[in-house]
Amino acid sequence: MLTVVPGLSVSLPADGPSSPLIDQIVREGARQMLAAALQAEVAAYIGQFADVRDDDGRRMVVRNGSAEPRTVLTSAGAVGVAAPRVNDKRTDPDSGQRMRFSSAILPRWARKTPQGPRCCRCWTSSWVPAPGCRPR
């Protein structure tokens, strides 16, 4: 028989006193998977340009800490994530502007996933169906 460890609910973030343990576990797993995917994406980007160096022999593309943590609304619920930052000092030869790393997993503007919670998609804040919303 499976038992729940009493100290487990203390280490997981709770959305409130009524948040079931299974929801907390799902959100924590989603947060860890998203963080691992972002770390792998940044490592691949930096590895791609590992041999690019400046005149002093320093790498032009390096990791630069993490951005401010933000909450992203996913199908698993609200998940807190701190996206890794990249300092890319390369410049575009045509325009002269600096190159930038942009995550394909978590763009700068993203605050929720495209799927999002389906129950809230068609409703406005006044609980009136949005245009084009059909009951299921």
C-alpha atoms as a PDB file:
ATOM      1  CA  MET A   1       0.000   0.000   0.000  1.00  0.00           C
ATOM      2  CA  LEU A   2       1.248   3.476  -0.895  1.00  0.00           C
ATOM      3  CA  THR A   3       1.485   6.004   1.904  1.00  0.00           C
ATOM      4  CA  VAL A   4       2.038   9.724   1.730  1.00  0.00           C
ATOM      5  CA  VAL A   5       5.055  11.085   3.549  1.00  0.00           C
ATOM      6  CA  PRO A   6       3.813  13.718   6.034  1.00  0.00           C
ATOM      7  CA  GLY A   7       6.654  16.171   5.286  1.00  0.00           C
ATOM      8  CA  LEU A   8       6.000  16.134   1.519  1.00  0.00           C
ATOM      9  CA  SER A   9       3.209  18.717   1.529  1.00  0.00           C
ATOM     10  CA  VAL A  10       5.438  21.185   3.383  1.00  0.00           C
ATOM     11  CA  SER A  11       8.092  21.227   0.649  1.00  0.00           C
ATOM     12  CA  LEU A  12       5.622  21.677  -2.213  1.00  0.00           C
ATOM     13  CA  PRO A  13       4.021  25.053  -2.931  1.00  0.00           C
ATOM     14  CA  ALA A  14       0.332  25.079  -2.098  1.00  0.00           C
ATOM     15  CA  ASP A  15      -2.276  27.237  -3.781  1.00  0.00           C
ATOM     16  CA  GLY A  16      -4.344  27.225  -0.657  1.00  0.00           C
ATOM     17  CA  PRO A  17      -5.600  25.046   2.118  1.00  0.00           C
ATOM     18  CA  SER A  18      -7.981  23.170  -0.218  1.00  0.00           C
ATOM     19  CA  SER A  19      -5.319  22.314  -2.848  1.00  0.00           C
ATOM     20  CA  PRO A  20      -5.095  18.506  -3.096  1.00  0.00           C
ATOM     21  CA  LEU A  21      -1.690  16.887  -2.770  1.00  0.00           C
ATOM     22  CA  ILE A  22      -1.927  15.384  -6.266  1.00  0.00           C
ATOM     23  CA  ASP A  23      -2.302  18.873  -7.794  1.00  0.00           C
ATOM     24  CA  GLN A  24       0.732  20.081  -5.881  1.00  0.00           C
ATOM     25  CA  ILE A  25       2.776  17.111  -7.105  1.00  0.00           C
ATOM     26  CA  VAL A  26       1.692  17.687 -10.723  1.00  0.00           C
ATOM     27  CA  ARG A  27       2.588  21.396 -10.545  1.00  0.00           C
ATOM     28  CA  GLU A  28       5.972  20.664  -8.967  1.00  0.00           C
ATOM     29  CA  GLY A  29       6.701  18.039 -11.642  1.00  0.00           C
ATOM     30  CA  ALA A  30       5.688  20.483 -14.385  1.00  0.00           C
ATOM     31  CA  ARG A  31       7.926  23.162 -12.878  1.00  0.00           C
ATOM     32  CA  GLN A  32      10.913  20.793 -12.725  1.00  0.00           C
ATOM     33  CA  MET A  33      10.380  19.573 -16.297  1.00  0.00           C
ATOM     34  CA  LEU A  34      10.053  23.130 -17.618  1.00  0.00           C
ATOM     35  CA  ALA A  35      13.209  24.210 -15.764  1.00  0.00           C
ATOM     36  CA  ALA A  36      15.153  21.203 -17.110  1.00  0.00           C
ATOM     37  CA  ALA A  37      13.963  21.873 -20.676  1.00  0.00           C
ATOM     38  CA  LEU A  38      14.997  25.531 -20.437  1.00  0.00           C
ATOM     39  CA  GLN A  39      18.434  24.582 -19.052  1.00  0.00           C
ATOM     40  CA  ALA A  40      18.928  22.084 -21.903  1.00  0.00           C
ATOM     41  CA  GLU A  41      17.860  24.666 -24.498  1.00  0.00           C
ATOM     42  CA  VAL A  42      20.350  27.221 -23.159  1.00  0.00           C
ATOM     43  CA  ALA A  43      23.138  24.641 -22.922  1.00  0.00           C
ATOM     44  CA  ALA A  44      22.560  23.648 -26.555  1.00  0.00           C
ATOM     45  CA  TYR A  45      22.600  27.300 -27.690  1.00  0.00           C
ATOM     46  CA  ILE A  46      25.798  28.068 -25.784  1.00  0.00           C
ATOM     47  CA  GLY A  47      27.402  24.831 -27.005  1.00  0.00           C
ATOM     48  CA  GLN A  48      26.582  25.757 -30.595  1.00  0.00           C
ATOM     49  CA  PHE A  49      28.718  28.894 -30.293  1.00  0.00           C
ATOM     50  CA  ALA A  50      31.367  27.589 -27.871  1.00  0.00           C
ATOM     51  CA  ASP A  51      34.174  28.105 -30.390  1.00  0.00           C
ATOM     52  CA  VAL A  52      33.247  31.740 -31.158  1.00  0.00           C
ATOM     53  CA  ARG A  53      35.727  33.983 -29.324  1.00  0.00           C
ATOM     54  CA  ASP A  54      36.566  37.690 -29.234  1.00  0.00           C
ATOM     55  CA  ASP A  55      40.004  39.246 -29.806  1.00  0.00           C
ATOM     56  CA  ASP A  56      41.001  38.580 -26.180  1.00  0.00           C
ATOM     57  CA  GLY A  57      40.082  34.884 -26.438  1.00  0.00           C
ATOM     58  CA  ARG A  58      36.887  35.165 -24.365  1.00  0.00           C
ATOM     59  CA  ARG A  59      33.710  33.361 -25.358  1.00  0.00           C
ATOM     60  CA  MET A  60      31.152  35.539 -27.105  1.00  0.00           C
ATOM     61  CA  VAL A  61      28.135  33.541 -25.898  1.00  0.00           C
ATOM     62  CA  VAL A  62      27.936  32.778 -22.167  1.00  0.00           C
ATOM     63  CA  ARG A  63      25.314  32.063 -19.550  1.00  0.00           C
ATOM     64  CA  ASN A  64      24.312  35.060 -17.441  1.00  0.00           C
ATOM     65  CA  GLY A  65      22.305  33.894 -14.437  1.00  0.00           C
ATOM     66  CA  SER A  66      18.517  33.712 -14.429  1.00  0.00           C
ATOM     67  CA  ALA A  67      15.742  36.156 -15.159  1.00  0.00           C
ATOM     68  CA  GLU A  68      13.262  37.192 -12.501  1.00  0.00           C
ATOM     69  CA  PRO A  69      10.968  34.300 -11.613  1.00  0.00           C
ATOM     70  CA  ARG A  70       7.534  34.527 -13.196  1.00  0.00           C
ATOM     71  CA  THR A  71       4.363  32.508 -13.110  1.00  0.00           C
ATOM     72  CA  VAL A  72       3.258  30.753 -16.266  1.00  0.00           C
ATOM     73  CA  LEU A  73      -0.276  29.407 -16.517  1.00  0.00           C
ATOM     74  CA  THR A  74      -0.175  25.850 -17.880  1.00  0.00           C
ATOM     75  CA  SER A  75      -2.667  23.020 -18.166  1.00  0.00           C
ATOM     76  CA  ALA A  76      -1.224  21.715 -14.889  1.00  0.00           C
ATOM     77  CA  GLY A  77      -1.977  25.043 -13.189  1.00  0.00           C
ATOM     78  CA  ALA A  78       0.169  28.045 -12.358  1.00  0.00           C
ATOM     79  CA  VAL A  79       3.857  27.117 -12.457  1.00  0.00           C
ATOM     80  CA  GLY A  80       6.669  29.379 -11.231  1.00  0.00           C
ATOM     81  CA  VAL A  81       9.772  29.412 -13.422  1.00  0.00           C
ATOM     82  CA  ALA A  82      13.003  31.405 -13.608  1.00  0.00           C
ATOM     83  CA  ALA A  83      14.255  31.369 -17.201  1.00  0.00           C
ATOM     84  CA  PRO A  84      18.034  31.213 -17.686  1.00  0.00           C
ATOM     85  CA  ARG A  85      19.663  34.235 -19.307  1.00  0.00           C
ATOM     86  CA  VAL A  86      22.285  34.264 -22.061  1.00  0.00           C
ATOM     87  CA  ASN A  87      24.789  37.031 -22.778  1.00  0.00           C
ATOM     88  CA  ASP A  88      25.359  36.935 -26.544  1.00  0.00           C
ATOM     89  CA  LYS A  89      27.984  39.476 -27.612  1.00  0.00           C
ATOM     90  CA  ARG A  90      27.986  38.524 -31.296  1.00  0.00           C
ATOM     91  CA  THR A  91      26.854  41.177 -33.773  1.00  0.00           C
ATOM     92  CA  ASP A  92      25.005  40.872 -37.052  1.00  0.00           C
ATOM     93  CA  PRO A  93      27.471  41.763 -39.835  1.00  0.00           C
ATOM     94  CA  ASP A  94      24.768  43.458 -41.953  1.00  0.00           C
ATOM     95  CA  SER A  95      22.996  45.613 -39.364  1.00  0.00           C
ATOM     96  CA  GLY A  96      25.660  45.803 -36.654  1.00  0.00           C
ATOM     97  CA  GLN A  97      23.089  44.962 -33.945  1.00  0.00           C
ATOM     98  CA  ARG A  98      23.784  42.403 -31.241  1.00  0.00           C
ATOM     99  CA  MET A  99      22.389  38.912 -31.618  1.00  0.00           C
ATOM    100  CA  ARG A 100      19.912  37.759 -28.967  1.00  0.00           C
ATOM    101  CA  PHE A 101      18.953  34.409 -27.554  1.00  0.00           C
ATOM    102  CA  SER A 102      15.216  33.834 -27.632  1.00  0.00           C
ATOM    103  CA  SER A 103      13.787  30.716 -26.039  1.00  0.00           C
ATOM    104  CA  ALA A 104      11.493  28.649 -28.249  1.00  0.00           C
ATOM    105  CA  ILE A 105      10.046  27.009 -25.133  1.00  0.00           C
ATOM    106  CA  LEU A 106       9.283  30.123 -23.108  1.00  0.00           C
ATOM    107  CA  PRO A 107       9.249  33.403 -25.073  1.00  0.00           C
ATOM    108  CA  ARG A 108       9.649  36.680 -23.162  1.00  0.00           C
ATOM    109  CA  TRP A 109       5.992  37.609 -23.510  1.00  0.00           C
ATOM    110  CA  ALA A 110       4.602  34.183 -22.489  1.00  0.00           C
ATOM    111  CA  ARG A 111       2.507  34.196 -19.355  1.00  0.00           C
ATOM    112  CA  LYS A 112       0.389  31.191 -20.291  1.00  0.00           C
ATOM    113  CA  THR A 113       0.687  28.241 -22.624  1.00  0.00           C
ATOM    114  CA  PRO A 114      -1.280  28.251 -25.893  1.00  0.00           C
ATOM    115  CA  GLN A 115      -3.562  25.491 -24.559  1.00  0.00           C
ATOM    116  CA  GLY A 116      -4.100  27.146 -21.175  1.00  0.00           C
ATOM    117  CA  PRO A 117      -6.982  26.221 -18.965  1.00  0.00           C
ATOM    118  CA  ARG A 118      -9.844  25.520 -21.349  1.00  0.00           C
ATOM    119  CA  CYS A 119     -12.525  26.470 -18.837  1.00  0.00           C
ATOM    120  CA  CYS A 120     -11.532  30.161 -18.821  1.00  0.00           C
ATOM    121  CA  ARG A 121     -10.781  30.689 -22.507  1.00  0.00           C
ATOM    122  CA  CYS A 122     -14.271  31.718 -23.647  1.00  0.00           C
ATOM    123  CA  TRP A 123     -15.347  33.793 -20.671  1.00  0.00           C
ATOM    124  CA  THR A 124     -14.625  37.424 -19.935  1.00  0.00           C
ATOM    125  CA  SER A 125     -14.230  38.866 -16.447  1.00  0.00           C
ATOM    126  CA  SER A 126     -17.964  39.639 -16.258  1.00  0.00           C
ATOM    127  CA  TRP A 127     -18.862  35.942 -16.884  1.00  0.00           C
ATOM    128  CA  VAL A 128     -20.347  36.695 -20.286  1.00  0.00           C
ATOM    129  CA  PRO A 129     -19.323  34.386 -23.141  1.00  0.00           C
ATOM    130  CA  ALA A 130     -16.745  35.957 -25.408  1.00  0.00           C
ATOM    131  CA  PRO A 131     -17.609  36.334 -29.119  1.00  0.00           C
ATOM    132  CA  GLY A 132     -17.225  33.040 -30.948  1.00  0.00           C
ATOM    133  CA  CYS A 133     -17.540  30.913 -27.802  1.00  0.00           C
ATOM    134  CA  ARG A 134     -19.837  27.918 -28.074  1.00  0.00           C
ATOM    135  CA  PRO A 135     -20.958  25.678 -25.244  1.00  0.00           C
ATOM    136  CA  ARG A 136     -19.444  22.197 -25.381  1.00  0.00           C
END
